Amino acid sequence: MTGTTGLYERADEWARGLSRGRYAVLLGASSGGGVLAFGLLVSGDALLVRALTMSLVMFGLEYAFGAFGGSDDE
C-alpha cells in the first residue's frame, strides 16, 4: 500500500508543477480517455463524440478558470 501511496504522491506533485495550459491538456485527455474506456467496457460502443466533448469541456474549464488545479496557498 505504501508503494501505491508514494506513486500517487509523486504523480500528484508532478501534475501540480505543470503550467495551467499543460495541466488543462492533461485533464482534458484523461477525462476523455476515461469516458471512452468506460463506454467500451460498459456498452461496447466507442463513445467518441461524448469523449471529445468531455475533453473539450474539461480543458476549457481548467484553462479559463483553473477550476481543478488546486489553490496556490497550500
Protein backbone atom coordinates (compact mmCIF):
# COMPACT_ATOMS: atom_id res chain seq x y z
CA MET A 1 0.00 0.00 0.00
CA THR A 2 2.88 2.37 0.70
CA GLY A 3 4.18 1.97 -2.85
CA THR A 4 0.80 2.95 -4.26
CA THR A 5 0.59 5.98 -1.99
CA GLY A 6 4.12 7.03 -2.91
CA LEU A 7 3.37 6.67 -6.61
CA TYR A 8 0.21 8.76 -6.22
CA GLU A 9 2.06 11.47 -4.31
CA ARG A 10 4.83 11.67 -6.93
CA ALA A 11 2.29 11.86 -9.77
CA ASP A 12 0.29 14.50 -7.88
CA GLU A 13 3.39 16.59 -7.23
CA TRP A 14 4.41 16.33 -10.89
CA ALA A 15 0.93 17.35 -12.09
CA ARG A 16 0.78 20.32 -9.72
CA GLY A 17 4.08 21.54 -11.13
CA LEU A 18 2.67 21.81 -14.65
CA SER A 19 1.64 25.12 -16.15
CA ARG A 20 -2.05 25.91 -16.44
CA GLY A 21 -2.13 25.04 -20.15
CA ARG A 22 -0.31 21.74 -19.77
CA TYR A 23 -2.46 20.78 -16.78
CA ALA A 24 -5.59 21.61 -18.79
CA VAL A 25 -4.39 19.37 -21.64
CA LEU A 26 -3.64 16.55 -19.17
CA LEU A 27 -7.04 16.90 -17.53
CA GLY A 28 -8.89 17.01 -20.85
CA ALA A 29 -7.05 14.00 -22.24
CA SER A 30 -7.52 11.92 -19.11
CA SER A 31 -11.23 12.72 -18.79
CA GLY A 32 -11.86 12.00 -22.47
CA GLY A 33 -9.90 8.77 -22.24
CA GLY A 34 -11.94 7.77 -19.19
CA VAL A 35 -15.24 8.36 -20.98
CA LEU A 36 -14.00 6.41 -24.00
CA ALA A 37 -12.77 3.48 -21.88
CA PHE A 38 -15.97 3.40 -19.82
CA GLY A 39 -18.10 3.35 -22.96
CA LEU A 40 -16.09 0.49 -24.40
CA LEU A 41 -16.29 -1.51 -21.17
CA VAL A 42 -19.97 -0.98 -20.40
CA SER A 43 -21.73 -0.84 -23.75
CA GLY A 44 -19.06 -1.95 -26.20
CA ASP A 45 -19.52 1.27 -28.15
CA ALA A 46 -16.83 3.83 -28.76
CA LEU A 47 -18.43 6.99 -27.39
CA LEU A 48 -16.12 9.15 -29.45
CA VAL A 49 -18.29 12.27 -29.65
CA ARG A 50 -19.02 12.17 -25.91
CA ALA A 51 -15.35 11.62 -25.12
CA LEU A 52 -14.29 14.54 -27.32
CA THR A 53 -16.97 16.74 -25.78
CA MET A 54 -15.84 15.85 -22.26
CA SER A 55 -12.22 16.53 -23.20
CA LEU A 56 -13.02 19.95 -24.63
CA VAL A 57 -15.23 20.96 -21.70
CA MET A 58 -12.70 19.92 -19.06
CA PHE A 59 -9.86 21.57 -20.98
CA GLY A 60 -11.85 24.79 -21.36
CA LEU A 61 -12.90 24.96 -17.71
CA GLU A 62 -9.40 24.33 -16.43
CA TYR A 63 -7.72 26.71 -18.84
CA ALA A 64 -10.23 29.51 -18.30
CA PHE A 65 -10.82 29.26 -14.56
CA GLY A 66 -8.23 26.90 -13.07
CA ALA A 67 -11.17 25.08 -11.52
CA PHE A 68 -9.43 21.78 -10.76
CA GLY A 69 -5.77 22.66 -10.25
CA GLY A 70 -5.98 23.39 -6.52
CA SER A 71 -5.18 26.58 -4.69
CA ASP A 72 -1.79 28.28 -4.60
CA ASP A 73 -1.87 28.97 -0.85
CA GLU A 74 -1.44 25.36 0.29
